[in-house]
């Protein structure tokens, strides 16, 4: 009889500065305190060739259209697919800072077809839970005043991204949290939701 726990894929989504990294790191620590193996992945993952190309584009060193950018983001996730599948098969809790929904939200904000964005990602491991840390674009801008990439400076675009995220979060398998609240309050809600799956 196999007593190994089932692997879980938990994803944090939201605008930049919504607290995704903070909450992902806190959740990882809490999961490990409960005796579960865990891994934290950030997307885009800049440690690959495709990730380096994404980084160059975000800093203005490359000029790609929105469709090419999303293909790069999706390809970057496929690069990590074997690692994610191996971790899940071993019973680990895999925590992602951005994943499938980011391409849909940012792609839709640039006029791309959401159905196409879902289709090209359908062979990636599906999340068990996606947590939207919902903040206003003005909050995102206020929390980061320097070194913002070109997308982080466009409040109208960020508003469209937020609308897409909120629409996606109405589906099952999502939890939408008010990311404007204190970090401890958000973390408590995250842990309650994930605790039901552990």
N, C-alpha and C. Protein backbone atom coordinates (compact mmCIF):
# COMPACT_ATOMS: atom_id res chain seq x y z
N UNK A 1 0.85 -1.20 0.00
CA UNK A 1 0.00 0.00 0.00
C UNK A 1 0.88 1.24 0.00
N UNK A 2 0.55 2.18 -0.88
CA UNK A 2 1.35 3.40 -1.02
C UNK A 2 0.83 4.47 -0.06
N UNK A 3 1.67 4.81 0.92
CA UNK A 3 1.24 5.80 1.91
C UNK A 3 1.74 7.20 1.58
N UNK A 4 2.44 7.31 0.46
CA UNK A 4 2.97 8.63 0.07
C UNK A 4 1.81 9.57 -0.23
N UNK A 5 1.85 10.80 0.31
CA UNK A 5 0.76 11.74 0.03
C UNK A 5 0.78 12.17 -1.44
N UNK A 6 -0.37 12.54 -1.91
CA UNK A 6 -0.50 13.01 -3.29
C UNK A 6 0.17 14.38 -3.42
N UNK A 7 0.91 14.56 -4.49
CA UNK A 7 1.50 15.87 -4.74
C UNK A 7 0.43 16.92 -4.99
N UNK A 8 0.74 18.16 -4.67
CA UNK A 8 -0.20 19.26 -4.87
C UNK A 8 0.49 20.39 -5.61
N UNK A 9 -0.25 21.05 -6.50
CA UNK A 9 0.26 22.21 -7.22
C UNK A 9 -0.58 23.41 -6.80
N UNK A 10 0.05 24.31 -6.07
CA UNK A 10 -0.61 25.52 -5.56
C UNK A 10 -0.01 26.73 -6.27
N UNK A 11 -0.87 27.58 -6.80
CA UNK A 11 -0.40 28.71 -7.61
C UNK A 11 -0.88 30.04 -7.02
N UNK A 12 0.03 31.00 -6.98
CA UNK A 12 -0.33 32.37 -6.60
C UNK A 12 -0.34 33.23 -7.86
N UNK A 13 -1.43 33.97 -8.05
CA UNK A 13 -1.57 34.88 -9.18
C UNK A 13 -1.94 36.27 -8.68
N UNK A 14 -1.73 37.25 -9.54
CA UNK A 14 -2.07 38.63 -9.19
C UNK A 14 -1.11 39.59 -9.85
N UNK A 15 -1.42 40.87 -9.71
CA UNK A 15 -0.54 41.90 -10.25
C UNK A 15 0.80 41.88 -9.52
N UNK A 16 1.81 42.48 -10.15
CA UNK A 16 3.08 42.63 -9.46
C UNK A 16 2.87 43.42 -8.18
N UNK A 17 3.62 43.07 -7.15
CA UNK A 17 3.54 43.71 -5.83
C UNK A 17 2.28 43.33 -5.06
N UNK A 18 1.58 42.27 -5.49
CA UNK A 18 0.38 41.85 -4.76
C UNK A 18 0.71 40.96 -3.58
N UNK A 19 1.99 40.59 -3.44
CA UNK A 19 2.39 39.77 -2.30
C UNK A 19 2.58 38.30 -2.65
N UNK A 20 2.62 37.98 -3.94
CA UNK A 20 2.73 36.58 -4.36
C UNK A 20 3.97 35.90 -3.80
N UNK A 21 5.13 36.54 -3.98
CA UNK A 21 6.38 35.93 -3.51
C UNK A 21 6.37 35.76 -2.00
N UNK A 22 5.94 36.80 -1.29
CA UNK A 22 5.89 36.74 0.18
C UNK A 22 5.01 35.59 0.64
N UNK A 23 3.81 35.49 0.08
CA UNK A 23 2.87 34.45 0.51
C UNK A 23 3.34 33.06 0.07
N UNK A 24 3.95 32.96 -1.10
CA UNK A 24 4.47 31.67 -1.56
C UNK A 24 5.57 31.17 -0.62
N UNK A 25 6.46 32.07 -0.23
CA UNK A 25 7.55 31.68 0.67
C UNK A 25 7.02 31.29 2.05
N UNK A 26 6.04 32.04 2.53
CA UNK A 26 5.45 31.72 3.84
C UNK A 26 4.75 30.37 3.79
N UNK A 27 4.02 30.12 2.71
CA UNK A 27 3.32 28.85 2.59
C UNK A 27 4.32 27.70 2.52
N UNK A 28 5.40 27.88 1.78
CA UNK A 28 6.41 26.82 1.67
C UNK A 28 6.95 26.46 3.06
N UNK A 29 7.25 27.49 3.86
CA UNK A 29 7.75 27.24 5.21
C UNK A 29 6.75 26.50 6.07
N UNK A 30 5.48 26.87 5.94
CA UNK A 30 4.43 26.24 6.75
C UNK A 30 4.20 24.80 6.32
N UNK A 31 4.23 24.56 5.02
CA UNK A 31 4.06 23.19 4.50
C UNK A 31 5.19 22.30 5.02
N UNK A 32 6.40 22.84 5.01
CA UNK A 32 7.55 22.04 5.47
C UNK A 32 7.49 21.81 6.98
N UNK A 33 6.97 22.78 7.72
CA UNK A 33 6.80 22.59 9.17
C UNK A 33 5.82 21.45 9.45
N UNK A 34 4.91 21.22 8.52
CA UNK A 34 3.94 20.13 8.67
C UNK A 34 4.49 18.80 8.15
N UNK A 35 5.76 18.81 7.78
CA UNK A 35 6.41 17.56 7.39
C UNK A 35 6.26 17.17 5.94
N UNK A 36 5.81 18.10 5.09
CA UNK A 36 5.67 17.80 3.67
C UNK A 36 6.82 18.40 2.88
N UNK A 37 7.32 17.65 1.91
CA UNK A 37 8.32 18.20 0.98
C UNK A 37 7.66 19.26 0.13
N UNK A 38 8.41 20.32 -0.17
CA UNK A 38 7.81 21.39 -0.96
C UNK A 38 8.87 22.05 -1.83
N UNK A 39 8.42 22.65 -2.93
CA UNK A 39 9.31 23.35 -3.85
C UNK A 39 8.62 24.62 -4.31
N UNK A 40 9.41 25.67 -4.49
CA UNK A 40 8.88 26.96 -4.92
C UNK A 40 9.44 27.30 -6.29
N UNK A 41 8.55 27.55 -7.25
CA UNK A 41 8.96 27.93 -8.60
C UNK A 41 8.40 29.31 -8.93
N UNK A 42 9.22 30.12 -9.60
CA UNK A 42 8.78 31.45 -10.05
C UNK A 42 8.69 31.45 -11.56
N UNK A 43 7.62 32.02 -12.08
CA UNK A 43 7.50 32.22 -13.52
C UNK A 43 7.30 33.70 -13.83
N UNK A 44 8.00 34.23 -14.86
CA UNK A 44 8.95 33.50 -15.67
C UNK A 44 10.18 33.07 -14.88
N UNK A 45 10.74 31.93 -15.30
CA UNK A 45 11.95 31.41 -14.69
C UNK A 45 13.12 31.88 -15.56
N UNK A 46 13.87 32.84 -15.05
CA UNK A 46 14.90 33.49 -15.86
C UNK A 46 16.19 32.67 -16.00
N UNK A 47 16.25 31.49 -15.38
CA UNK A 47 17.48 30.69 -15.41
C UNK A 47 17.57 29.76 -16.62
N UNK A 48 16.71 29.96 -17.62
CA UNK A 48 16.76 29.17 -18.85
C UNK A 48 17.01 30.12 -20.01
N UNK A 49 17.31 29.56 -21.19
CA UNK A 49 17.51 30.40 -22.38
C UNK A 49 16.25 31.19 -22.72
N UNK A 50 15.11 30.51 -22.64
CA UNK A 50 13.85 31.21 -22.93
C UNK A 50 13.58 32.26 -21.87
N UNK A 51 13.85 31.93 -20.62
CA UNK A 51 13.67 32.91 -19.55
C UNK A 51 14.54 34.13 -19.73
N UNK A 52 15.78 33.93 -20.17
CA UNK A 52 16.69 35.06 -20.41
C UNK A 52 16.15 35.94 -21.53
N UNK A 53 15.55 35.32 -22.54
CA UNK A 53 14.96 36.08 -23.65
C UNK A 53 13.77 36.90 -23.16
N UNK A 54 12.95 36.32 -22.28
CA UNK A 54 11.83 37.05 -21.69
C UNK A 54 12.35 38.26 -20.91
N UNK A 55 13.40 38.04 -20.11
CA UNK A 55 13.97 39.14 -19.33
C UNK A 55 14.46 40.28 -20.21
N UNK A 56 15.11 39.93 -21.32
CA UNK A 56 15.59 40.95 -22.24
C UNK A 56 14.43 41.75 -22.83
N UNK A 57 13.35 41.04 -23.18
CA UNK A 57 12.19 41.72 -23.76
C UNK A 57 11.53 42.66 -22.75
N UNK A 58 11.42 42.22 -21.49
CA UNK A 58 10.78 43.05 -20.47
C UNK A 58 11.59 44.31 -20.18
N UNK A 59 12.89 44.24 -20.39
CA UNK A 59 13.74 45.41 -20.15
C UNK A 59 13.90 46.27 -21.41
N UNK A 60 13.21 45.89 -22.49
CA UNK A 60 13.23 46.72 -23.69
C UNK A 60 14.34 46.40 -24.67
N UNK A 61 15.10 45.33 -24.43
CA UNK A 61 16.20 44.98 -25.33
C UNK A 61 15.72 44.19 -26.55
N UNK A 62 14.48 43.70 -26.53
CA UNK A 62 13.87 42.99 -27.65
C UNK A 62 12.49 43.59 -27.91
N UNK A 63 12.05 43.50 -29.15
CA UNK A 63 10.70 43.96 -29.50
C UNK A 63 9.89 42.78 -30.02
N UNK A 64 9.06 42.21 -29.17
CA UNK A 64 8.18 41.11 -29.57
C UNK A 64 6.72 41.56 -29.42
N UNK A 65 5.87 41.05 -30.28
CA UNK A 65 4.45 41.31 -30.14
C UNK A 65 3.88 40.53 -28.96
N UNK A 66 2.67 40.89 -28.52
CA UNK A 66 2.05 40.20 -27.38
C UNK A 66 1.92 38.69 -27.58
N UNK A 67 1.64 38.26 -28.83
CA UNK A 67 1.50 36.81 -29.06
C UNK A 67 2.83 36.10 -28.87
N UNK A 68 3.92 36.68 -29.38
CA UNK A 68 5.24 36.06 -29.21
C UNK A 68 5.63 36.03 -27.73
N UNK A 69 5.34 37.12 -27.02
CA UNK A 69 5.67 37.16 -25.59
C UNK A 69 4.96 36.03 -24.84
N UNK A 70 3.67 35.84 -25.13
CA UNK A 70 2.94 34.79 -24.41
C UNK A 70 3.43 33.40 -24.81
N UNK A 71 3.82 33.22 -26.07
CA UNK A 71 4.40 31.94 -26.47
C UNK A 71 5.70 31.67 -25.71
N UNK A 72 6.48 32.72 -25.48
CA UNK A 72 7.72 32.58 -24.70
C UNK A 72 7.39 32.22 -23.25
N UNK A 73 6.43 32.91 -22.67
CA UNK A 73 6.04 32.60 -21.28
C UNK A 73 5.57 31.15 -21.16
N UNK A 74 4.75 30.72 -22.10
CA UNK A 74 4.21 29.36 -22.05
C UNK A 74 5.34 28.34 -22.26
N UNK A 75 6.23 28.62 -23.22
CA UNK A 75 7.37 27.72 -23.46
C UNK A 75 8.24 27.62 -22.22
N UNK A 76 8.38 28.72 -21.49
CA UNK A 76 9.17 28.73 -20.27
C UNK A 76 8.56 27.79 -19.23
N UNK A 77 7.22 27.72 -19.18
CA UNK A 77 6.57 26.78 -18.26
C UNK A 77 6.77 25.33 -18.72
N UNK A 78 6.69 25.11 -20.02
CA UNK A 78 6.93 23.76 -20.53
C UNK A 78 8.36 23.30 -20.23
N UNK A 79 9.31 24.24 -20.21
CA UNK A 79 10.68 23.89 -19.84
C UNK A 79 10.72 23.27 -18.44
N UNK A 80 9.85 23.75 -17.56
CA UNK A 80 9.83 23.29 -16.17
C UNK A 80 8.85 22.14 -15.93
N UNK A 81 8.11 21.75 -16.98
CA UNK A 81 7.11 20.70 -16.83
C UNK A 81 7.69 19.40 -16.27
N UNK A 82 8.85 18.89 -16.80
CA UNK A 82 9.39 17.65 -16.24
C UNK A 82 9.70 17.77 -14.74
N UNK A 83 10.23 18.92 -14.33
CA UNK A 83 10.55 19.12 -12.92
C UNK A 83 9.27 19.11 -12.08
N UNK A 84 8.23 19.79 -12.54
CA UNK A 84 6.97 19.84 -11.81
C UNK A 84 6.38 18.44 -11.68
N UNK A 85 6.37 17.70 -12.79
CA UNK A 85 5.79 16.35 -12.77
C UNK A 85 6.56 15.42 -11.84
N UNK A 86 7.88 15.55 -11.84
CA UNK A 86 8.71 14.71 -10.96
C UNK A 86 8.41 15.01 -9.49
N UNK A 87 8.32 16.30 -9.16
CA UNK A 87 8.03 16.70 -7.79
C UNK A 87 6.64 16.22 -7.35
N UNK A 88 5.65 16.39 -8.21
CA UNK A 88 4.29 15.96 -7.87
C UNK A 88 4.23 14.45 -7.69
N UNK A 89 4.94 13.72 -8.55
CA UNK A 89 4.95 12.26 -8.45
C UNK A 89 5.59 11.79 -7.15
N UNK A 90 6.50 12.61 -6.63
CA UNK A 90 7.17 12.27 -5.37
C UNK A 90 6.36 12.71 -4.15
N UNK A 91 5.18 13.31 -4.39
CA UNK A 91 4.32 13.71 -3.28
C UNK A 91 4.60 15.10 -2.73
N UNK A 92 5.38 15.89 -3.45
CA UNK A 92 5.73 17.23 -2.96
C UNK A 92 4.59 18.22 -3.20
N UNK A 93 4.60 19.29 -2.41
CA UNK A 93 3.71 20.42 -2.63
C UNK A 93 4.50 21.44 -3.46
N UNK A 94 4.10 21.63 -4.70
CA UNK A 94 4.77 22.56 -5.60
C UNK A 94 4.01 23.88 -5.56
N UNK A 95 4.73 24.95 -5.22
CA UNK A 95 4.12 26.27 -5.09
C UNK A 95 4.69 27.16 -6.19
N UNK A 96 3.81 27.73 -7.00
CA UNK A 96 4.24 28.57 -8.12
C UNK A 96 3.84 30.02 -7.91
N UNK A 97 4.80 30.91 -8.15
CA UNK A 97 4.55 32.34 -8.22
C UNK A 97 4.30 32.64 -9.70
N UNK A 98 3.06 32.71 -10.10
CA UNK A 98 2.54 32.82 -11.47
C UNK A 98 2.56 31.45 -12.15
N UNK A 99 1.55 31.27 -13.03
CA UNK A 99 1.48 30.01 -13.79
C UNK A 99 0.52 30.23 -14.97
N UNK A 100 -0.39 29.31 -15.21
CA UNK A 100 -1.23 29.34 -16.40
C UNK A 100 -2.04 30.62 -16.56
N UNK A 101 -2.66 31.05 -15.46
CA UNK A 101 -3.60 32.18 -15.53
C UNK A 101 -2.93 33.49 -15.89
N UNK A 102 -1.63 33.61 -15.64
CA UNK A 102 -0.93 34.85 -15.98
C UNK A 102 -0.96 35.11 -17.48
N UNK A 103 -0.74 34.04 -18.26
CA UNK A 103 -0.76 34.22 -19.72
C UNK A 103 -2.15 34.63 -20.19
N UNK A 104 -3.17 34.07 -19.57
CA UNK A 104 -4.53 34.43 -19.97
C UNK A 104 -4.81 35.88 -19.59
N UNK A 105 -4.45 36.27 -18.37
CA UNK A 105 -4.74 37.62 -17.90
C UNK A 105 -3.97 38.68 -18.70
N UNK A 106 -2.67 38.49 -18.84
CA UNK A 106 -1.87 39.48 -19.55
C UNK A 106 -2.11 39.41 -21.05
N UNK A 107 -2.33 38.19 -21.57
CA UNK A 107 -2.64 38.05 -22.98
C UNK A 107 -3.96 38.73 -23.34
N UNK A 108 -4.99 38.46 -22.54
CA UNK A 108 -6.30 39.11 -22.78
C UNK A 108 -6.17 40.63 -22.71
N UNK A 109 -5.36 41.12 -21.78
CA UNK A 109 -5.17 42.57 -21.63
C UNK A 109 -4.55 43.19 -22.88
N UNK A 110 -3.85 42.36 -23.66
CA UNK A 110 -3.26 42.84 -24.92
C UNK A 110 -4.07 42.40 -26.14
N UNK A 111 -5.29 41.93 -25.91
CA UNK A 111 -6.17 41.63 -27.03
C UNK A 111 -6.06 40.23 -27.60
N UNK A 112 -5.35 39.34 -26.92
CA UNK A 112 -5.22 37.97 -27.40
C UNK A 112 -6.44 37.14 -26.99
N UNK A 113 -6.63 36.03 -27.67
CA UNK A 113 -7.78 35.16 -27.46
C UNK A 113 -7.55 34.24 -26.26
N UNK A 114 -8.41 34.34 -25.27
CA UNK A 114 -8.25 33.54 -24.04
C UNK A 114 -8.32 32.05 -24.34
N UNK A 115 -9.18 31.64 -25.27
CA UNK A 115 -9.31 30.22 -25.60
C UNK A 115 -8.00 29.67 -26.17
N UNK A 116 -7.34 30.46 -27.02
CA UNK A 116 -6.04 30.05 -27.57
C UNK A 116 -5.01 29.92 -26.46
N UNK A 117 -5.01 30.88 -25.55
CA UNK A 117 -4.04 30.87 -24.46
C UNK A 117 -4.25 29.66 -23.54
N UNK A 118 -5.50 29.25 -23.35
CA UNK A 118 -5.76 28.03 -22.57
C UNK A 118 -5.31 26.79 -23.33
N UNK A 119 -5.62 26.77 -24.63
CA UNK A 119 -5.32 25.59 -25.44
C UNK A 119 -3.83 25.27 -25.47
N UNK A 120 -2.99 26.29 -25.64
CA UNK A 120 -1.56 26.03 -25.76
C UNK A 120 -0.93 25.61 -24.43
N UNK A 121 -1.70 25.73 -23.35
CA UNK A 121 -1.17 25.34 -22.04
C UNK A 121 -1.83 24.06 -21.50
N UNK A 122 -2.67 23.42 -22.30
CA UNK A 122 -3.48 22.33 -21.75
C UNK A 122 -2.68 21.08 -21.41
N UNK A 123 -1.44 20.99 -21.89
CA UNK A 123 -0.61 19.83 -21.56
C UNK A 123 0.29 20.09 -20.35
N UNK A 124 0.14 21.23 -19.72
CA UNK A 124 0.87 21.51 -18.48
C UNK A 124 0.07 20.96 -17.30
N UNK A 125 0.75 20.55 -16.22
CA UNK A 125 0.02 20.05 -15.05
C UNK A 125 -0.96 21.10 -14.52
N UNK A 126 -2.22 20.72 -14.30
CA UNK A 126 -3.21 21.69 -13.81
C UNK A 126 -3.03 21.97 -12.32
N UNK A 127 -3.27 23.20 -11.89
CA UNK A 127 -3.17 23.51 -10.46
C UNK A 127 -4.29 22.83 -9.67
N UNK A 128 -3.98 22.48 -8.42
CA UNK A 128 -5.02 22.02 -7.50
C UNK A 128 -5.76 23.21 -6.89
N UNK A 129 -5.04 24.31 -6.75
CA UNK A 129 -5.64 25.53 -6.20
C UNK A 129 -4.87 26.72 -6.76
N UNK A 130 -5.62 27.71 -7.27
CA UNK A 130 -5.03 28.97 -7.71
C UNK A 130 -5.55 30.07 -6.80
N UNK A 131 -4.63 30.81 -6.19
CA UNK A 131 -4.98 31.86 -5.24
C UNK A 131 -4.70 33.22 -5.88
N UNK A 132 -5.75 34.00 -6.07
CA UNK A 132 -5.60 35.35 -6.61
C UNK A 132 -5.46 36.34 -5.47
N UNK A 133 -4.33 37.02 -5.43
CA UNK A 133 -4.12 38.10 -4.46
C UNK A 133 -4.51 39.39 -5.18
N UNK A 134 -5.71 39.84 -4.91
CA UNK A 134 -6.34 40.91 -5.68
C UNK A 134 -5.99 42.28 -5.09
N UNK A 135 -5.29 43.11 -5.88
CA UNK A 135 -5.01 44.48 -5.47
C UNK A 135 -5.31 45.42 -6.63
N UNK A 136 -5.49 46.69 -6.32
CA UNK A 136 -5.73 47.69 -7.35
C UNK A 136 -4.43 48.01 -8.09
N UNK A 137 -4.52 48.37 -9.38
CA UNK A 137 -3.31 48.75 -10.12
C UNK A 137 -2.55 49.89 -9.45
N UNK A 138 -3.29 50.82 -8.85
CA UNK A 138 -2.64 51.94 -8.18
C UNK A 138 -1.82 51.47 -6.98
N UNK A 139 -2.30 50.42 -6.30
CA UNK A 139 -1.54 49.84 -5.19
C UNK A 139 -0.26 49.19 -5.70
N UNK A 140 -0.39 48.48 -6.83
CA UNK A 140 0.79 47.84 -7.42
C UNK A 140 1.84 48.89 -7.77
N UNK A 141 1.40 49.99 -8.37
CA UNK A 141 2.34 51.04 -8.76
C UNK A 141 2.96 51.71 -7.53
N UNK A 142 2.14 51.89 -6.49
CA UNK A 142 2.63 52.56 -5.29
C UNK A 142 3.63 51.74 -4.50
N UNK A 143 3.51 50.40 -4.60
CA UNK A 143 4.41 49.53 -3.84
C UNK A 143 5.77 49.37 -4.52
N UNK A 144 5.84 49.71 -5.80
CA UNK A 144 7.12 49.61 -6.51
C UNK A 144 7.31 50.86 -7.35
N UNK A 145 8.19 51.73 -6.91
CA UNK A 145 8.35 53.01 -7.58
C UNK A 145 9.61 53.08 -8.44
N UNK A 146 10.49 52.07 -8.33
CA UNK A 146 11.71 52.08 -9.14
C UNK A 146 11.86 50.75 -9.87
N UNK A 147 12.64 50.78 -10.95
CA UNK A 147 12.96 49.58 -11.74
C UNK A 147 11.72 48.85 -12.24
N UNK A 148 10.68 49.59 -12.56
CA UNK A 148 9.48 48.95 -13.09
C UNK A 148 9.66 48.65 -14.57
N UNK A 149 9.25 47.44 -15.01
CA UNK A 149 9.34 47.15 -16.44
C UNK A 149 8.16 47.84 -17.14
N UNK A 150 8.13 47.71 -18.46
CA UNK A 150 7.16 48.51 -19.22
C UNK A 150 5.72 48.14 -18.91
N UNK A 151 5.47 46.88 -18.53
CA UNK A 151 4.10 46.50 -18.19
C UNK A 151 3.69 47.05 -16.83
N UNK A 152 4.64 47.16 -15.92
CA UNK A 152 4.32 47.63 -14.57
C UNK A 152 4.00 49.13 -14.54
N UNK A 153 4.30 49.84 -15.62
CA UNK A 153 4.05 51.29 -15.65
C UNK A 153 2.72 51.66 -16.29
N UNK A 154 2.02 50.68 -16.87
CA UNK A 154 0.82 50.94 -17.65
C UNK A 154 -0.43 50.60 -16.81
N UNK A 155 -1.00 51.61 -16.15
CA UNK A 155 -2.12 51.36 -15.24
C UNK A 155 -3.37 50.88 -15.96
N UNK A 156 -3.62 51.40 -17.16
CA UNK A 156 -4.80 50.95 -17.90
C UNK A 156 -4.68 49.47 -18.27
N UNK A 157 -3.50 49.08 -18.70
CA UNK A 157 -3.29 47.67 -19.02
C UNK A 157 -3.43 46.81 -17.78
N UNK A 158 -2.88 47.28 -16.65
CA UNK A 158 -2.98 46.52 -15.40
C UNK A 158 -4.44 46.38 -14.96
N UNK A 159 -5.25 47.37 -15.24
CA UNK A 159 -6.69 47.28 -14.93
C UNK A 159 -7.35 46.17 -15.73
N UNK A 160 -6.95 46.03 -16.99
CA UNK A 160 -7.51 44.96 -17.83
C UNK A 160 -7.02 43.60 -17.33
N UNK A 161 -5.76 43.54 -16.90
CA UNK A 161 -5.22 42.30 -16.33
C UNK A 161 -6.03 41.90 -15.10
N UNK A 162 -6.29 42.87 -14.24
CA UNK A 162 -7.05 42.59 -13.02
C UNK A 162 -8.45 42.07 -13.36
N UNK A 163 -9.09 42.69 -14.35
CA UNK A 163 -10.44 42.25 -14.75
C UNK A 163 -10.42 40.80 -15.21
N UNK A 164 -9.40 40.43 -15.98
CA UNK A 164 -9.29 39.04 -16.45
C UNK A 164 -9.08 38.09 -15.27
N UNK A 165 -8.19 38.46 -14.37
CA UNK A 165 -7.95 37.62 -13.19
C UNK A 165 -9.25 37.42 -12.41
N UNK A 166 -9.99 38.50 -12.20
CA UNK A 166 -11.21 38.40 -11.39
C UNK A 166 -12.25 37.53 -12.09
N UNK A 167 -12.32 37.61 -13.41
CA UNK A 167 -13.25 36.76 -14.15
C UNK A 167 -12.82 35.29 -14.06
N UNK A 168 -11.52 35.05 -14.20
CA UNK A 168 -11.03 33.66 -14.09
C UNK A 168 -11.28 33.09 -12.70
N UNK A 169 -11.17 33.94 -11.69
CA UNK A 169 -11.28 33.48 -10.30
C UNK A 169 -12.69 33.05 -9.92
N UNK A 170 -13.65 33.24 -10.82
CA UNK A 170 -15.01 32.76 -10.55
C UNK A 170 -15.14 31.26 -10.80
N UNK A 171 -14.12 30.69 -11.43
CA UNK A 171 -14.16 29.24 -11.73
C UNK A 171 -13.84 28.44 -10.48
N UNK A 172 -14.18 27.15 -10.52
CA UNK A 172 -13.83 26.29 -9.40
C UNK A 172 -12.31 26.12 -9.35
N UNK A 173 -11.80 25.84 -8.17
CA UNK A 173 -10.37 25.67 -8.02
C UNK A 173 -9.62 26.97 -7.78
N UNK A 174 -10.36 28.06 -7.58
CA UNK A 174 -9.76 29.37 -7.32
C UNK A 174 -10.17 29.87 -5.94
N UNK A 175 -9.30 30.70 -5.36
CA UNK A 175 -9.61 31.44 -4.14
C UNK A 175 -9.15 32.87 -4.36
N UNK A 176 -10.08 33.82 -4.29
CA UNK A 176 -9.71 35.23 -4.45
C UNK A 176 -9.63 35.88 -3.08
N UNK A 177 -8.47 36.47 -2.79
CA UNK A 177 -8.25 37.14 -1.51
C UNK A 177 -7.92 38.61 -1.73
N UNK A 178 -8.33 39.42 -0.79
CA UNK A 178 -8.03 40.85 -0.82
C UNK A 178 -6.56 41.04 -0.44
N UNK A 179 -5.72 41.33 -1.44
CA UNK A 179 -4.29 41.48 -1.20
C UNK A 179 -3.90 42.81 -0.60
N UNK A 180 -4.89 43.68 -0.37
CA UNK A 180 -4.60 44.98 0.26
C UNK A 180 -4.50 44.84 1.79
N UNK A 181 -4.93 43.69 2.31
CA UNK A 181 -4.94 43.49 3.77
C UNK A 181 -3.54 43.20 4.30
N UNK A 182 -3.36 43.22 5.63
CA UNK A 182 -2.05 42.87 6.20
C UNK A 182 -1.61 41.47 5.80
N UNK A 183 -0.30 41.30 5.65
CA UNK A 183 0.26 40.02 5.19
C UNK A 183 -0.18 38.85 6.06
N UNK A 184 -0.23 39.06 7.37
CA UNK A 184 -0.59 37.96 8.28
C UNK A 184 -2.02 37.49 8.05
N UNK A 185 -2.92 38.43 7.78
CA UNK A 185 -4.32 38.07 7.53
C UNK A 185 -4.45 37.25 6.24
N UNK A 186 -3.72 37.70 5.20
CA UNK A 186 -3.74 36.97 3.93
C UNK A 186 -3.16 35.57 4.13
N UNK A 187 -2.03 35.50 4.85
CA UNK A 187 -1.37 34.21 5.07
C UNK A 187 -2.27 33.24 5.81
N UNK A 188 -3.04 33.73 6.76
CA UNK A 188 -3.94 32.86 7.52
C UNK A 188 -5.00 32.27 6.61
N UNK A 189 -5.54 33.08 5.69
CA UNK A 189 -6.56 32.58 4.76
C UNK A 189 -5.96 31.58 3.77
N UNK A 190 -4.73 31.85 3.33
CA UNK A 190 -4.04 30.93 2.43
C UNK A 190 -3.86 29.58 3.11
N UNK A 191 -3.41 29.61 4.35
CA UNK A 191 -3.12 28.37 5.06
C UNK A 191 -4.40 27.57 5.33
N UNK A 192 -5.48 28.26 5.63
CA UNK A 192 -6.76 27.57 5.83
C UNK A 192 -7.18 26.82 4.57
N UNK A 193 -7.05 27.51 3.42
CA UNK A 193 -7.46 26.90 2.15
C UNK A 193 -6.56 25.74 1.76
N UNK A 194 -5.26 25.93 1.89
CA UNK A 194 -4.33 24.88 1.50
C UNK A 194 -4.38 23.73 2.49
N UNK A 195 -4.62 24.06 3.75
CA UNK A 195 -4.69 23.02 4.78
C UNK A 195 -5.77 21.99 4.49
N UNK A 196 -6.83 22.39 3.82
CA UNK A 196 -7.90 21.45 3.47
C UNK A 196 -7.43 20.42 2.44
N UNK A 197 -6.39 20.76 1.70
CA UNK A 197 -5.90 19.89 0.63
C UNK A 197 -4.74 19.00 1.10
N UNK A 198 -4.05 19.43 2.15
CA UNK A 198 -2.86 18.69 2.61
C UNK A 198 -3.23 17.32 3.19
